[in-house]
Amino acid sequence: MKITDSARGRELACRRWAMQPAAEAVAAASALEPIASARARRVRALADRAEVEAARLRGDLIERAKAERVLFEFARRMRDAWTQWPARVAAPLAARLGADPHAVEVALASEVRRHLEELARDPVPRLGGAGAG
């Protein structure tokens, strides 16, 4: 059976109309994609926030400023303890060695100060960011 020109035209028109709703659906879906993507990002952000808050409540996380303050205070206490150490141990050490207590204290204090200066040149690891862990 031969399709006439008018029949062929009707067939093509029907196909075009049949495809039109699908094309509209694709266009509508692509218009909604940014909204869906934004909603998905928002849901992920809320989930991340809830996870961080739960970790903080468990005590797994602390504020960065507090961690830095505690670390700084600890380092200062260690430095102070080491600078006071020569005066504390010089007399007993000098007695054991039969040396002048003042000379022993001066020598120990000088070496402790030199060592602390070496340690001060060593970079302090950064909290967070690259290389932390």
C-alpha atoms as a PDB file:
ATOM      1  CA  MET A   1       0.000   0.000   0.000  1.00  0.00           C
ATOM      2  CA  LYS A   2       1.348   3.357  -1.065  1.00  0.00           C
ATOM      3  CA  ILE A   3       1.191   6.285   1.297  1.00  0.00           C
ATOM      4  CA  THR A   4      -0.005   9.414  -0.435  1.00  0.00           C
ATOM      5  CA  ASP A   5       1.607  12.789   0.141  1.00  0.00           C
ATOM      6  CA  SER A   6      -1.237  13.912   2.346  1.00  0.00           C
ATOM      7  CA  ALA A   7      -1.125  10.665   4.311  1.00  0.00           C
ATOM      8  CA  ARG A   8       2.640  11.034   4.676  1.00  0.00           C
ATOM      9  CA  GLY A   9       2.179  14.585   5.912  1.00  0.00           C
ATOM     10  CA  ARG A  10      -0.379  13.463   8.475  1.00  0.00           C
ATOM     11  CA  GLU A  11       1.942  10.694   9.621  1.00  0.00           C
ATOM     12  CA  LEU A  12       4.832  13.109  10.065  1.00  0.00           C
ATOM     13  CA  ALA A  13       2.590  15.606  11.873  1.00  0.00           C
ATOM     14  CA  CYS A  14       1.386  12.883  14.248  1.00  0.00           C
ATOM     15  CA  ARG A  15       4.940  11.864  15.014  1.00  0.00           C
ATOM     16  CA  ARG A  16       5.928  15.483  15.631  1.00  0.00           C
ATOM     17  CA  TRP A  17       2.957  15.987  17.997  1.00  0.00           C
ATOM     18  CA  ALA A  18       3.681  12.705  19.744  1.00  0.00           C
ATOM     19  CA  MET A  19       7.250  13.825  20.375  1.00  0.00           C
ATOM     20  CA  GLN A  20       6.308  17.323  21.507  1.00  0.00           C
ATOM     21  CA  PRO A  21       5.277  16.398  25.103  1.00  0.00           C
ATOM     22  CA  ALA A  22       8.528  14.453  25.561  1.00  0.00           C
ATOM     23  CA  ALA A  23      10.574  17.455  24.439  1.00  0.00           C
ATOM     24  CA  GLU A  24       8.613  19.709  26.778  1.00  0.00           C
ATOM     25  CA  ALA A  25       9.203  17.254  29.624  1.00  0.00           C
ATOM     26  CA  VAL A  26      12.944  17.273  28.925  1.00  0.00           C
ATOM     27  CA  ALA A  27      12.975  21.088  28.900  1.00  0.00           C
ATOM     28  CA  ALA A  28      10.997  21.221  32.149  1.00  0.00           C
ATOM     29  CA  ALA A  29      13.308  18.678  33.766  1.00  0.00           C
ATOM     30  CA  SER A  30      16.396  20.616  32.735  1.00  0.00           C
ATOM     31  CA  ALA A  31      14.846  23.799  34.153  1.00  0.00           C
ATOM     32  CA  LEU A  32      14.214  22.004  37.456  1.00  0.00           C
ATOM     33  CA  GLU A  33      17.700  20.502  37.587  1.00  0.00           C
ATOM     34  CA  PRO A  34      19.333  23.580  39.206  1.00  0.00           C
ATOM     35  CA  ILE A  35      16.572  23.622  41.826  1.00  0.00           C
ATOM     36  CA  ALA A  36      17.033  19.915  42.551  1.00  0.00           C
ATOM     37  CA  SER A  37      20.794  20.374  42.683  1.00  0.00           C
ATOM     38  CA  ALA A  38      20.441  23.281  45.100  1.00  0.00           C
ATOM     39  CA  ARG A  39      18.082  21.250  47.269  1.00  0.00           C
ATOM     40  CA  ALA A  40      20.517  18.324  47.293  1.00  0.00           C
ATOM     41  CA  ARG A  41      23.392  20.658  48.307  1.00  0.00           C
ATOM     42  CA  ARG A  42      21.221  22.115  51.078  1.00  0.00           C
ATOM     43  CA  VAL A  43      20.315  18.659  52.375  1.00  0.00           C
ATOM     44  CA  ARG A  44      24.009  17.657  52.359  1.00  0.00           C
ATOM     45  CA  ALA A  45      24.977  20.877  54.158  1.00  0.00           C
ATOM     46  CA  LEU A  46      22.323  20.328  56.829  1.00  0.00           C
ATOM     47  CA  ALA A  47      23.473  16.731  57.277  1.00  0.00           C
ATOM     48  CA  ASP A  48      27.109  17.857  57.561  1.00  0.00           C
ATOM     49  CA  ARG A  49      26.149  20.499  60.118  1.00  0.00           C
ATOM     50  CA  ALA A  50      24.226  17.949  62.163  1.00  0.00           C
ATOM     51  CA  GLU A  51      27.168  15.532  62.017  1.00  0.00           C
ATOM     52  CA  VAL A  52      29.616  18.210  63.192  1.00  0.00           C
ATOM     53  CA  GLU A  53      27.283  19.250  66.015  1.00  0.00           C
ATOM     54  CA  ALA A  54      26.899  15.626  67.132  1.00  0.00           C
ATOM     55  CA  ALA A  55      30.697  15.175  67.122  1.00  0.00           C
ATOM     56  CA  ARG A  56      31.078  18.381  69.151  1.00  0.00           C
ATOM     57  CA  LEU A  57      28.522  17.189  71.702  1.00  0.00           C
ATOM     58  CA  ARG A  58      30.345  13.841  72.002  1.00  0.00           C
ATOM     59  CA  GLY A  59      33.534  15.760  72.705  1.00  0.00           C
ATOM     60  CA  ASP A  60      35.223  14.642  69.476  1.00  0.00           C
ATOM     61  CA  LEU A  61      35.576  18.254  68.304  1.00  0.00           C
ATOM     62  CA  ILE A  62      36.663  21.431  70.037  1.00  0.00           C
ATOM     63  CA  GLU A  63      36.857  25.025  68.868  1.00  0.00           C
ATOM     64  CA  ARG A  64      40.004  25.876  66.954  1.00  0.00           C
ATOM     65  CA  ALA A  65      40.696  29.009  69.027  1.00  0.00           C
ATOM     66  CA  LYS A  66      40.476  26.966  72.226  1.00  0.00           C
ATOM     67  CA  ALA A  67      42.836  24.300  70.850  1.00  0.00           C
ATOM     68  CA  GLU A  68      45.365  26.931  69.793  1.00  0.00           C
ATOM     69  CA  ARG A  69      45.149  28.661  73.199  1.00  0.00           C
ATOM     70  CA  VAL A  70      45.626  25.389  75.100  1.00  0.00           C
ATOM     71  CA  LEU A  71      48.556  24.393  72.889  1.00  0.00           C
ATOM     72  CA  PHE A  72      50.195  27.814  73.307  1.00  0.00           C
ATOM     73  CA  GLU A  73      49.789  27.709  77.107  1.00  0.00           C
ATOM     74  CA  PHE A  74      51.200  24.182  77.230  1.00  0.00           C
ATOM     75  CA  ALA A  75      54.240  25.211  75.164  1.00  0.00           C
ATOM     76  CA  ARG A  76      54.811  28.231  77.432  1.00  0.00           C
ATOM     77  CA  ARG A  77      54.668  26.032  80.563  1.00  0.00           C
ATOM     78  CA  MET A  78      57.193  23.643  78.989  1.00  0.00           C
ATOM     79  CA  ARG A  79      59.526  26.532  78.093  1.00  0.00           C
ATOM     80  CA  ASP A  80      59.255  27.985  81.615  1.00  0.00           C
ATOM     81  CA  ALA A  81      59.882  24.574  83.211  1.00  0.00           C
ATOM     82  CA  TRP A  82      63.015  24.077  81.104  1.00  0.00           C
ATOM     83  CA  THR A  83      64.389  27.565  81.821  1.00  0.00           C
ATOM     84  CA  GLN A  84      63.961  26.945  85.568  1.00  0.00           C
ATOM     85  CA  TRP A  85      65.457  23.436  85.463  1.00  0.00           C
ATOM     86  CA  PRO A  86      69.183  24.432  85.547  1.00  0.00           C
ATOM     87  CA  ALA A  87      68.736  26.363  88.814  1.00  0.00           C
ATOM     88  CA  ARG A  88      66.969  23.377  90.365  1.00  0.00           C
ATOM     89  CA  VAL A  89      69.505  20.705  89.394  1.00  0.00           C
ATOM     90  CA  ALA A  90      72.797  22.654  89.349  1.00  0.00           C
ATOM     91  CA  ALA A  91      73.671  22.347  93.082  1.00  0.00           C
ATOM     92  CA  PRO A  92      73.056  18.573  93.415  1.00  0.00           C
ATOM     93  CA  LEU A  93      74.794  17.927  90.097  1.00  0.00           C
ATOM     94  CA  ALA A  94      77.770  20.118  91.078  1.00  0.00           C
ATOM     95  CA  ALA A  95      78.050  18.270  94.417  1.00  0.00           C
ATOM     96  CA  ARG A  96      78.161  14.895  92.616  1.00  0.00           C
ATOM     97  CA  LEU A  97      80.770  16.148  90.171  1.00  0.00           C
ATOM     98  CA  GLY A  98      82.767  18.181  92.662  1.00  0.00           C
ATOM     99  CA  ALA A  99      82.312  21.293  90.523  1.00  0.00           C
ATOM    100  CA  ASP A 100      81.380  24.910  91.155  1.00  0.00           C
ATOM    101  CA  PRO A 101      77.523  25.074  91.462  1.00  0.00           C
ATOM    102  CA  HIS A 102      77.348  28.475  89.770  1.00  0.00           C
ATOM    103  CA  ALA A 103      79.470  27.327  86.807  1.00  0.00           C
ATOM    104  CA  VAL A 104      77.286  24.206  86.415  1.00  0.00           C
ATOM    105  CA  GLU A 105      74.095  26.305  86.499  1.00  0.00           C
ATOM    106  CA  VAL A 106      75.463  28.784  83.941  1.00  0.00           C
ATOM    107  CA  ALA A 107      76.545  25.955  81.622  1.00  0.00           C
ATOM    108  CA  LEU A 108      73.204  24.134  81.928  1.00  0.00           C
ATOM    109  CA  ALA A 109      71.206  27.365  81.438  1.00  0.00           C
ATOM    110  CA  SER A 110      73.234  28.199  78.330  1.00  0.00           C
ATOM    111  CA  GLU A 111      72.645  24.749  76.811  1.00  0.00           C
ATOM    112  CA  VAL A 112      68.938  24.782  77.668  1.00  0.00           C
ATOM    113  CA  ARG A 113      68.544  28.250  76.100  1.00  0.00           C
ATOM    114  CA  ARG A 114      70.425  27.109  72.971  1.00  0.00           C
ATOM    115  CA  HIS A 115      68.221  24.037  72.690  1.00  0.00           C
ATOM    116  CA  LEU A 116      65.016  26.068  73.144  1.00  0.00           C
ATOM    117  CA  GLU A 117      66.167  28.430  70.398  1.00  0.00           C
ATOM    118  CA  GLU A 118      66.688  25.432  68.096  1.00  0.00           C
ATOM    119  CA  LEU A 119      63.194  24.215  68.892  1.00  0.00           C
ATOM    120  CA  ALA A 120      61.771  27.689  68.236  1.00  0.00           C
ATOM    121  CA  ARG A 121      63.158  27.574  64.672  1.00  0.00           C
ATOM    122  CA  ASP A 122      61.265  24.346  64.003  1.00  0.00           C
ATOM    123  CA  PRO A 123      57.939  25.300  62.358  1.00  0.00           C
ATOM    124  CA  VAL A 124      54.818  24.673  64.402  1.00  0.00           C
ATOM    125  CA  PRO A 125      52.392  22.363  62.590  1.00  0.00           C
ATOM    126  CA  ARG A 126      49.241  24.097  61.413  1.00  0.00           C
ATOM    127  CA  LEU A 127      45.908  23.055  62.859  1.00  0.00           C
ATOM    128  CA  GLY A 128      43.575  22.006  60.065  1.00  0.00           C
ATOM    129  CA  GLY A 129      44.223  22.446  56.366  1.00  0.00           C
ATOM    130  CA  ALA A 130      46.868  20.686  54.321  1.00  0.00           C
ATOM    131  CA  GLY A 131      49.380  18.539  56.140  1.00  0.00           C
ATOM    132  CA  ALA A 132      47.383  18.372  59.363  1.00  0.00           C
ATOM    133  CA  GLY A 133      46.711  15.101  60.949  1.00  0.00           C
END
